[in-house]
Amino acid sequence: MNSTQPTHDVLVLGGGIGGLATAIALADVGRTVHLVEQAAEFGEIGAGLQLGPNAIRSLDRLGVWDEVKKTAVFPSAGIIMDAMTGEELTRLDLGPAFIEHYGYPYVVAHRADLHSILVEACRRRPEITLETNRRVVEVTESADAAAVTFADGDQYVSKTVIGGDGIRSRTRLQFDDSEPKFTGQTAYRGTVPTELVDLDSDDVILWMGPNFHMIQYPVRAGELYNQVAVIESKWHAQGREDWGTRAELDEVTRDACDEVKASLAMLTSEQKWPIYDRDPMYSWSTEHTVLIGDAAHAMRQYLGQGACQALEDALVLAQAVARHPEQSAAFAEYEERRVPRGTRCQEVSRPWGDLWHTEDPTLQLMRNKYFKMRAADDYSELDWLYNDHVGELSPARA
């Protein structure tokens, strides 16, 4: 470390959804935040984003929900379909009963829209400064502060460094030097203009099949239709160089129903997206450094909770910082509240995805029978996920 003299009050590494939300939340409780992003400009890769009531609750408390709802889509239902037979297996009513139960809706949005709203919210705050073209290469720590070294050799120092730098986090290396784990799954994502889709629905539709699934829903106030197909790549397991290609996607889905095949024909698949996750880690902080979002708890997508949990991290961390003058106590509270919840989401998402993709006919039969038995307004199994785990920011927004 070249110097232990702090250059910033709070230093947030990573300009994704979690990092931006954390900057806003910390500014709300009186901290001055400098956020660095490695890219040349702020932007977000990807298209669709599912936001459960827990995420909307967090966005509301960050003061950006009114803006988000302008382009979000409010689905009437979440529907699970058998991708081979075209049969509806179950649906979840996302209408007034759902909103009354949780206090907030379930919405779908374009990831770039939410990201842009958070960037602009940060730019409006005098307590927050944003900087791009800052690629972190190392985070080190002494008794006095943490130092962040960048690719150009510059170094920033702070007593409070927030690692929101994603699944390949450099900050995380202080805790764990393992690499993210490839799940063996590959995604194909894309949007098409809604008028090209022969569907008059705002529902979120999930198609389950052996070794694959596809999910569909409108975004950007209904202008675009988002589609994502995910396959288990047996070709990768066999060591084939052509794994994850369109040819493998077509092979895995060759016996799917006509509706699925028609949707896949519209899906751009020139670029594959290998899916990674990480094993749970049970400590997320040191004296001067703390992790949020995928840096702390990267998870598979089957609960739709990656961004949602990062938003919760932001609020809970800010609450803890506001409550405790001693940073060690603040980080301890944050870990106590967030590690079990983030870990549970990581651990539940894996077998849930396995159930979606199972090849076992007996498991398929049992799964489908269970889905057909449940009522559309039975939310009991989702309460742990969508109930309030955040609480109010204190002090409250002025």
Protein backbone atom coordinates (compact mmCIF):
# COMPACT_ATOMS: atom_id res chain seq x y z
CA MET A 1 0.00 0.00 0.00
CA ASN A 2 1.51 3.30 -1.08
CA SER A 3 -0.38 5.37 1.48
CA THR A 4 -2.89 4.85 4.24
CA GLN A 5 -4.29 8.37 3.94
CA PRO A 6 -7.90 7.97 2.72
CA THR A 7 -8.72 9.52 -0.65
CA HIS A 8 -12.46 8.83 -0.32
CA ASP A 9 -15.06 8.39 2.43
CA VAL A 10 -16.77 5.39 0.81
CA LEU A 11 -15.43 3.71 -2.31
CA VAL A 12 -17.83 1.48 -4.29
CA LEU A 13 -16.26 -0.84 -6.84
CA GLY A 14 -18.60 -1.71 -9.69
CA GLY A 15 -21.28 0.28 -11.48
CA GLY A 16 -23.91 -2.41 -11.86
CA ILE A 17 -27.34 -2.43 -10.28
CA GLY A 18 -26.03 -3.41 -6.84
CA GLY A 19 -23.20 -0.87 -6.76
CA LEU A 20 -25.40 2.02 -7.90
CA ALA A 21 -28.15 1.11 -5.42
CA THR A 22 -25.60 0.93 -2.61
CA ALA A 23 -24.25 4.37 -3.50
CA ILE A 24 -27.76 5.84 -3.30
CA ALA A 25 -28.58 4.08 -0.04
CA LEU A 26 -25.34 5.19 1.62
CA ALA A 27 -25.85 8.77 0.43
CA ASP A 28 -29.31 8.63 2.00
CA VAL A 29 -27.73 7.98 5.41
CA GLY A 30 -25.18 10.75 5.09
CA ARG A 31 -22.12 9.16 3.52
CA THR A 32 -20.09 10.58 0.63
CA VAL A 33 -19.59 7.95 -2.05
CA HIS A 34 -17.20 7.60 -4.97
CA LEU A 35 -18.16 4.81 -7.38
CA VAL A 36 -15.78 3.40 -10.00
CA GLU A 37 -16.72 1.32 -13.06
CA GLN A 38 -14.26 -0.50 -15.30
CA ALA A 39 -16.17 0.12 -18.55
CA ALA A 40 -15.66 3.28 -20.62
CA GLU A 41 -19.27 4.28 -20.00
CA PHE A 42 -22.13 3.14 -17.83
CA GLY A 43 -24.30 0.48 -19.41
CA GLU A 44 -25.82 -2.91 -18.75
CA ILE A 45 -25.58 -6.13 -20.74
CA GLY A 46 -28.71 -8.22 -21.07
CA ALA A 47 -32.36 -7.60 -21.71
CA GLY A 48 -35.15 -8.85 -19.48
CA LEU A 49 -35.18 -8.59 -15.71
CA GLN A 50 -37.74 -10.03 -13.31
CA LEU A 51 -38.30 -7.96 -10.18
CA GLY A 52 -40.21 -9.55 -7.34
CA PRO A 53 -42.00 -7.55 -4.62
CA ASN A 54 -38.86 -7.63 -2.49
CA ALA A 55 -36.99 -5.77 -5.24
CA ILE A 56 -39.80 -3.27 -5.80
CA ARG A 57 -39.91 -2.59 -2.07
CA SER A 58 -36.18 -1.78 -2.18
CA LEU A 59 -36.54 0.41 -5.27
CA ASP A 60 -39.35 2.31 -3.57
CA ARG A 61 -37.22 2.94 -0.51
CA LEU A 62 -34.38 4.12 -2.78
CA GLY A 63 -36.77 6.66 -4.28
CA VAL A 64 -36.70 5.35 -7.88
CA TRP A 65 -39.80 3.14 -8.10
CA ASP A 66 -41.97 5.86 -9.62
CA GLU A 67 -39.51 6.16 -12.48
CA VAL A 68 -39.09 2.41 -12.93
CA LYS A 69 -42.82 1.78 -13.20
CA LYS A 70 -43.05 4.04 -16.27
CA THR A 71 -41.44 1.39 -18.49
CA ALA A 72 -42.02 -1.75 -16.41
CA VAL A 73 -44.65 -4.32 -17.37
CA PHE A 74 -47.08 -5.60 -14.74
CA PRO A 75 -47.81 -9.25 -15.67
CA SER A 76 -51.22 -10.69 -14.89
CA ALA A 77 -49.80 -14.14 -14.17
CA GLY A 78 -46.74 -16.32 -14.14
CA ILE A 79 -47.48 -19.48 -16.12
CA ILE A 80 -45.54 -22.76 -16.22
CA MET A 81 -45.96 -24.83 -19.38
CA ASP A 82 -44.81 -28.31 -20.42
CA ALA A 83 -42.43 -27.60 -23.29
CA MET A 84 -43.02 -31.00 -24.86
CA THR A 85 -46.83 -31.22 -24.80
CA GLY A 86 -47.77 -27.54 -24.69
CA GLU A 87 -49.93 -28.22 -21.61
CA GLU A 88 -50.33 -25.58 -18.92
CA LEU A 89 -49.10 -27.01 -15.62
CA THR A 90 -49.84 -24.15 -13.24
CA ARG A 91 -50.15 -20.41 -12.96
CA LEU A 92 -49.47 -17.83 -10.28
CA ASP A 93 -51.91 -14.94 -10.06
CA LEU A 94 -49.84 -11.73 -10.03
CA GLY A 95 -52.83 -9.38 -9.95
CA PRO A 96 -54.53 -7.52 -7.07
CA ALA A 97 -54.51 -10.49 -4.66
CA PHE A 98 -50.73 -10.84 -5.06
CA ILE A 99 -50.14 -7.12 -4.61
CA GLU A 100 -52.35 -7.02 -1.53
CA HIS A 101 -50.51 -10.00 -0.05
CA TYR A 102 -47.01 -8.55 -0.46
CA GLY A 103 -47.68 -4.83 -0.63
CA TYR A 104 -45.85 -4.50 -3.95
CA PRO A 105 -46.24 -6.00 -7.44
CA TYR A 106 -44.16 -8.40 -9.47
CA VAL A 107 -42.90 -6.63 -12.60
CA VAL A 108 -40.66 -7.31 -15.56
CA ALA A 109 -38.41 -4.66 -17.04
CA HIS A 110 -35.55 -4.09 -19.42
CA ARG A 111 -32.33 -4.36 -17.47
CA ALA A 112 -30.85 -1.36 -19.25
CA ASP A 113 -33.85 0.78 -18.27
CA LEU A 114 -33.42 0.06 -14.55
CA HIS A 115 -29.68 0.56 -14.78
CA SER A 116 -30.06 3.92 -16.52
CA ILE A 117 -32.54 5.10 -13.87
CA LEU A 118 -30.09 4.22 -11.09
CA VAL A 119 -27.21 5.98 -12.89
CA GLU A 120 -29.26 9.16 -13.26
CA ALA A 121 -30.36 8.96 -9.61
CA CYS A 122 -26.69 8.84 -8.60
CA ARG A 123 -25.83 11.79 -10.84
CA ARG A 124 -28.50 13.89 -9.15
CA ARG A 125 -26.91 13.38 -5.75
CA PRO A 126 -24.09 15.75 -4.73
CA GLU A 127 -22.86 13.11 -2.26
CA ILE A 128 -22.10 10.68 -5.12
CA THR A 129 -19.39 10.90 -7.76
CA LEU A 130 -19.12 8.43 -10.63
CA GLU A 131 -15.98 7.49 -12.53
CA THR A 132 -15.49 5.15 -15.50
CA ASN A 133 -12.43 3.51 -17.09
CA ARG A 134 -11.26 2.26 -13.72
CA ARG A 135 -10.32 -1.43 -13.88
CA VAL A 136 -9.49 -2.82 -10.46
CA VAL A 137 -6.50 -5.17 -10.35
CA GLU A 138 -6.01 -5.51 -6.60
CA VAL A 139 -7.57 -4.69 -3.26
CA THR A 140 -5.28 -4.82 -0.24
CA GLU A 141 -5.85 -3.92 3.37
CA SER A 142 -3.88 -2.66 6.33
CA ALA A 143 -4.95 -1.90 9.86
CA ASP A 144 -5.78 1.65 8.82
CA ALA A 145 -7.59 1.36 5.48
CA ALA A 146 -8.09 -0.58 2.25
CA ALA A 147 -6.23 0.34 -0.94
CA VAL A 148 -7.58 -0.24 -4.43
CA THR A 149 -5.03 -0.42 -7.24
CA PHE A 150 -6.12 0.14 -10.83
CA ALA A 151 -4.74 -1.12 -14.13
CA ASP A 152 -3.00 2.21 -14.80
CA GLY A 153 -1.18 2.03 -11.46
CA ASP A 154 -3.30 4.65 -9.69
CA GLN A 155 -4.45 3.87 -6.20
CA TYR A 156 -7.40 4.98 -4.10
CA VAL A 157 -7.58 4.50 -0.34
CA SER A 158 -10.65 4.33 1.87
CA LYS A 159 -11.67 3.04 5.25
CA THR A 160 -14.87 1.72 3.61
CA VAL A 161 -14.58 -0.22 0.36
CA ILE A 162 -17.72 -1.86 -1.08
CA GLY A 163 -17.01 -4.72 -3.47
CA GLY A 164 -19.85 -4.73 -5.98
CA ASP A 165 -17.62 -5.88 -8.82
CA GLY A 166 -19.56 -8.93 -9.91
CA ILE A 167 -19.06 -12.66 -10.14
CA ARG A 168 -15.38 -12.25 -11.06
CA SER A 169 -14.81 -9.78 -8.25
CA ARG A 170 -11.27 -8.67 -7.49
CA THR A 171 -12.44 -7.58 -4.05
CA ARG A 172 -13.56 -11.12 -3.25
CA LEU A 173 -9.99 -12.38 -3.64
CA GLN A 174 -9.34 -11.16 -0.09
CA PHE A 175 -11.79 -13.83 1.07
CA ASP A 176 -11.70 -16.55 -1.57
CA ASP A 177 -9.34 -17.16 -4.50
CA SER A 178 -11.51 -19.76 -6.25
CA GLU A 179 -12.90 -19.22 -9.73
CA PRO A 180 -16.61 -19.04 -10.60
CA LYS A 181 -18.07 -22.45 -11.45
CA PHE A 182 -19.39 -23.17 -14.93
CA THR A 183 -22.78 -24.80 -14.46
CA GLY A 184 -22.71 -26.67 -17.77
CA GLN A 185 -25.61 -24.49 -18.92
CA THR A 186 -25.72 -22.03 -21.78
CA ALA A 187 -28.24 -19.25 -22.38
CA TYR A 188 -29.47 -17.60 -25.56
CA ARG A 189 -31.11 -14.23 -24.98
CA GLY A 190 -32.82 -11.69 -27.13
CA THR A 191 -35.73 -9.36 -27.68
CA VAL A 192 -37.99 -8.85 -30.67
CA PRO A 193 -40.62 -6.18 -31.35
CA THR A 194 -43.84 -7.29 -29.69
CA GLU A 195 -45.83 -6.94 -32.88
CA LEU A 196 -43.85 -9.86 -34.34
CA VAL A 197 -45.12 -12.17 -31.59
CA ASP A 198 -48.47 -13.89 -32.09
CA LEU A 199 -49.45 -13.48 -28.47
CA ASP A 200 -51.89 -11.14 -26.77
CA SER A 201 -50.62 -11.50 -23.23
CA ASP A 202 -48.52 -9.73 -20.63
CA ASP A 203 -47.85 -12.96 -18.73
CA VAL A 204 -44.48 -14.35 -17.77
CA ILE A 205 -44.35 -17.77 -19.44
CA LEU A 206 -41.94 -20.50 -18.45
CA TRP A 207 -41.58 -23.59 -20.65
CA MET A 208 -39.96 -26.61 -18.95
CA GLY A 209 -38.40 -29.45 -20.89
CA PRO A 210 -35.74 -32.13 -20.44
CA ASN A 211 -32.35 -30.39 -20.34
CA PHE A 212 -33.76 -27.00 -21.23
CA HIS A 213 -36.21 -24.25 -20.43
CA MET A 214 -37.41 -21.08 -22.11
CA ILE A 215 -38.88 -18.00 -20.49
CA GLN A 216 -40.79 -15.20 -22.21
CA TYR A 217 -42.29 -11.86 -21.23
CA PRO A 218 -42.77 -8.31 -22.55
CA VAL A 219 -40.50 -5.45 -21.47
CA ARG A 220 -40.12 -1.71 -22.09
CA ALA A 221 -43.80 -0.89 -21.58
CA GLY A 222 -44.72 -3.78 -23.85
CA GLU A 223 -42.71 -2.60 -26.87
CA LEU A 224 -40.30 -5.55 -26.82
CA TYR A 225 -40.74 -9.25 -26.15
CA ASN A 226 -37.91 -10.82 -24.18
CA GLN A 227 -37.02 -14.50 -24.66
CA VAL A 228 -34.35 -16.59 -22.97
CA ALA A 229 -33.59 -20.24 -23.69
CA VAL A 230 -31.21 -22.21 -21.46
CA ILE A 231 -29.84 -25.66 -22.21
CA GLU A 232 -27.76 -28.22 -20.36
CA SER A 233 -24.75 -28.58 -22.66
CA LYS A 234 -23.96 -32.26 -22.93
CA TRP A 235 -21.63 -31.43 -25.79
CA HIS A 236 -19.51 -29.35 -23.40
CA ALA A 237 -19.38 -32.31 -20.99
CA GLN A 238 -18.21 -34.46 -23.90
CA GLY A 239 -15.41 -32.01 -24.67
CA ARG A 240 -16.78 -30.96 -28.05
CA GLU A 241 -15.58 -27.62 -29.41
CA ASP A 242 -18.97 -26.85 -30.96
CA TRP A 243 -20.80 -26.91 -27.62
CA GLY A 244 -23.45 -24.29 -27.02
CA THR A 245 -24.02 -23.63 -30.72
CA ARG A 246 -27.35 -23.25 -32.47
CA ALA A 247 -26.95 -26.85 -33.56
CA GLU A 248 -26.87 -28.03 -29.94
CA LEU A 249 -29.84 -25.82 -29.03
CA ASP A 250 -31.80 -27.39 -31.89
CA GLU A 251 -30.72 -30.88 -30.85
CA VAL A 252 -31.79 -30.43 -27.23
CA THR A 253 -35.18 -28.98 -28.20
CA ARG A 254 -35.91 -31.18 -31.24
CA ASP A 255 -38.96 -32.81 -29.60
CA ALA A 256 -40.43 -29.62 -28.16
CA CYS A 257 -43.98 -28.56 -29.00
CA ASP A 258 -44.70 -26.30 -31.98
CA GLU A 259 -45.15 -23.18 -29.83
CA VAL A 260 -41.66 -23.57 -28.38
CA LYS A 261 -40.08 -24.24 -31.77
CA ALA A 262 -41.76 -21.17 -33.26
CA SER A 263 -40.40 -19.02 -30.43
CA LEU A 264 -36.91 -20.48 -30.73
CA ALA A 265 -36.91 -19.64 -34.44
CA MET A 266 -37.11 -15.94 -33.47
CA LEU A 267 -34.33 -16.19 -30.90
CA THR A 268 -30.99 -14.78 -31.95
CA SER A 269 -28.33 -17.27 -30.98
CA GLU A 270 -25.10 -16.02 -32.54
CA GLN A 271 -23.74 -15.39 -29.05
CA LYS A 272 -23.96 -17.96 -26.28
CA TRP A 273 -23.91 -16.95 -22.64
CA PRO A 274 -22.26 -19.61 -20.44
CA ILE A 275 -23.84 -19.56 -16.98
CA TYR A 276 -21.65 -19.50 -13.89
CA ASP A 277 -22.32 -19.44 -10.18
CA ARG A 278 -20.34 -19.69 -6.95
CA ASP A 279 -20.53 -21.77 -3.83
CA PRO A 280 -21.78 -19.92 -0.75
CA MET A 281 -19.23 -18.00 1.31
CA TYR A 282 -20.08 -17.34 4.93
CA SER A 283 -18.01 -14.22 5.58
CA TRP A 284 -18.41 -11.16 3.39
CA SER A 285 -16.40 -8.52 5.21
CA THR A 286 -13.06 -7.56 6.72
CA GLU A 287 -12.28 -4.48 8.78
CA HIS A 288 -12.47 -2.10 5.82
CA THR A 289 -14.01 -4.11 2.97
CA VAL A 290 -17.46 -5.63 2.41
CA LEU A 291 -19.04 -7.51 -0.49
CA ILE A 292 -22.46 -7.05 -2.11
CA GLY A 293 -24.38 -8.61 -4.99
CA ASP A 294 -22.76 -11.25 -7.19
CA ALA A 295 -19.39 -10.61 -5.56
CA ALA A 296 -20.91 -12.00 -2.36
CA HIS A 297 -23.57 -14.48 -3.52
CA ALA A 298 -23.62 -15.15 -7.27
CA MET A 299 -26.53 -17.49 -7.92
CA ARG A 300 -28.26 -19.27 -10.74
CA GLN A 301 -31.21 -17.52 -12.33
CA TYR A 302 -33.98 -19.92 -11.33
CA LEU A 303 -35.43 -17.80 -8.53
CA GLY A 304 -35.14 -14.56 -10.51
CA GLN A 305 -33.29 -13.06 -7.55
CA GLY A 306 -29.81 -11.97 -8.64
CA ALA A 307 -30.59 -8.25 -8.95
CA CYS A 308 -33.29 -8.44 -6.27
CA GLN A 309 -30.84 -9.66 -3.64
CA ALA A 310 -28.28 -7.02 -4.63
CA LEU A 311 -30.92 -4.35 -4.02
CA GLU A 312 -31.66 -5.81 -0.60
CA ASP A 313 -27.93 -5.82 0.17
CA ALA A 314 -27.76 -2.10 -0.57
CA LEU A 315 -30.57 -1.16 1.83
CA VAL A 316 -29.48 -3.42 4.67
CA LEU A 317 -25.85 -2.30 4.46
CA ALA A 318 -26.88 1.35 4.59
CA GLN A 319 -29.16 0.71 7.56
CA ALA A 320 -26.35 -1.01 9.43
CA VAL A 321 -23.89 1.80 8.65
CA ALA A 322 -26.42 4.39 9.88
CA ARG A 323 -27.05 2.49 13.11
CA HIS A 324 -23.49 1.76 14.16
CA PRO A 325 -20.70 4.34 14.57
CA GLU A 326 -18.21 1.48 14.63
CA GLN A 327 -17.81 -0.01 11.15
CA SER A 328 -17.04 -3.47 12.53
CA ALA A 329 -20.45 -3.51 14.22
CA ALA A 330 -22.12 -2.28 11.02
CA PHE A 331 -20.52 -4.99 8.92
CA ALA A 332 -21.37 -7.59 11.55
CA GLU A 333 -25.06 -6.63 11.44
CA TYR A 334 -25.02 -6.65 7.64
CA GLU A 335 -23.55 -10.15 7.58
CA GLU A 336 -25.95 -11.40 10.24
CA ARG A 337 -28.93 -10.26 8.18
CA ARG A 338 -27.68 -10.92 4.66
CA VAL A 339 -25.42 -13.98 4.64
CA PRO A 340 -28.16 -16.50 5.58
CA ARG A 341 -30.59 -15.01 3.06
CA GLY A 342 -28.13 -14.76 0.19
CA THR A 343 -26.90 -18.28 0.92
CA ARG A 344 -30.44 -19.67 0.94
CA CYS A 345 -31.13 -18.16 -2.46
CA GLN A 346 -27.93 -19.67 -3.82
CA GLU A 347 -28.70 -23.08 -2.38
CA VAL A 348 -32.37 -23.20 -3.41
CA SER A 349 -31.78 -22.00 -6.96
CA ARG A 350 -29.63 -25.02 -7.88
CA PRO A 351 -32.10 -27.88 -7.21
CA TRP A 352 -34.98 -25.73 -8.47
CA GLY A 353 -33.21 -25.47 -11.80
CA ASP A 354 -32.46 -29.19 -11.78
CA LEU A 355 -36.19 -29.84 -11.36
CA TRP A 356 -36.99 -27.64 -14.35
CA HIS A 357 -34.53 -29.56 -16.54
CA THR A 358 -34.94 -33.11 -15.25
CA GLU A 359 -34.78 -35.96 -17.79
CA ASP A 360 -36.19 -38.47 -15.32
CA PRO A 361 -39.75 -39.41 -16.41
CA THR A 362 -40.78 -40.22 -12.84
CA LEU A 363 -39.57 -36.87 -11.54
CA GLN A 364 -41.26 -35.11 -14.45
CA LEU A 365 -44.54 -36.84 -13.59
CA MET A 366 -44.27 -35.97 -9.90
CA ARG A 367 -43.27 -32.37 -10.66
CA ASN A 368 -46.13 -31.85 -13.08
CA LYS A 369 -48.65 -33.45 -10.74
CA TYR A 370 -47.57 -31.13 -7.94
CA PHE A 371 -47.86 -28.06 -10.14
CA LYS A 372 -51.34 -29.04 -11.30
CA MET A 373 -52.50 -29.40 -7.70
CA ARG A 374 -51.52 -25.93 -6.50
CA ALA A 375 -53.93 -22.98 -6.54
CA ALA A 376 -53.14 -19.85 -8.54
CA ASP A 377 -53.51 -17.66 -5.43
CA ASP A 378 -51.43 -19.85 -3.11
CA TYR A 379 -48.44 -17.67 -2.22
CA SER A 380 -47.33 -19.56 0.88
CA GLU A 381 -44.21 -21.05 -0.67
CA LEU A 382 -43.04 -17.62 -1.83
CA ASP A 383 -43.40 -15.74 1.43
CA TRP A 384 -39.79 -16.42 2.47
CA LEU A 385 -38.64 -14.87 -0.80
CA TYR A 386 -40.94 -11.87 -1.19
CA ASN A 387 -41.74 -10.71 2.34
CA ASP A 388 -39.99 -7.66 3.79
CA HIS A 389 -36.39 -8.46 4.69
CA VAL A 390 -35.18 -4.87 4.40
CA GLY A 391 -37.05 -2.42 6.63
CA GLU A 392 -36.92 1.36 6.37
CA LEU A 393 -33.80 3.44 5.86
CA SER A 394 -32.91 5.45 8.94
CA PRO A 395 -32.60 8.37 8.91
CA ALA A 396 -35.47 8.62 6.43
CA ARG A 397 -35.06 10.31 3.07
CA ALA A 398 -35.32 14.09 3.47
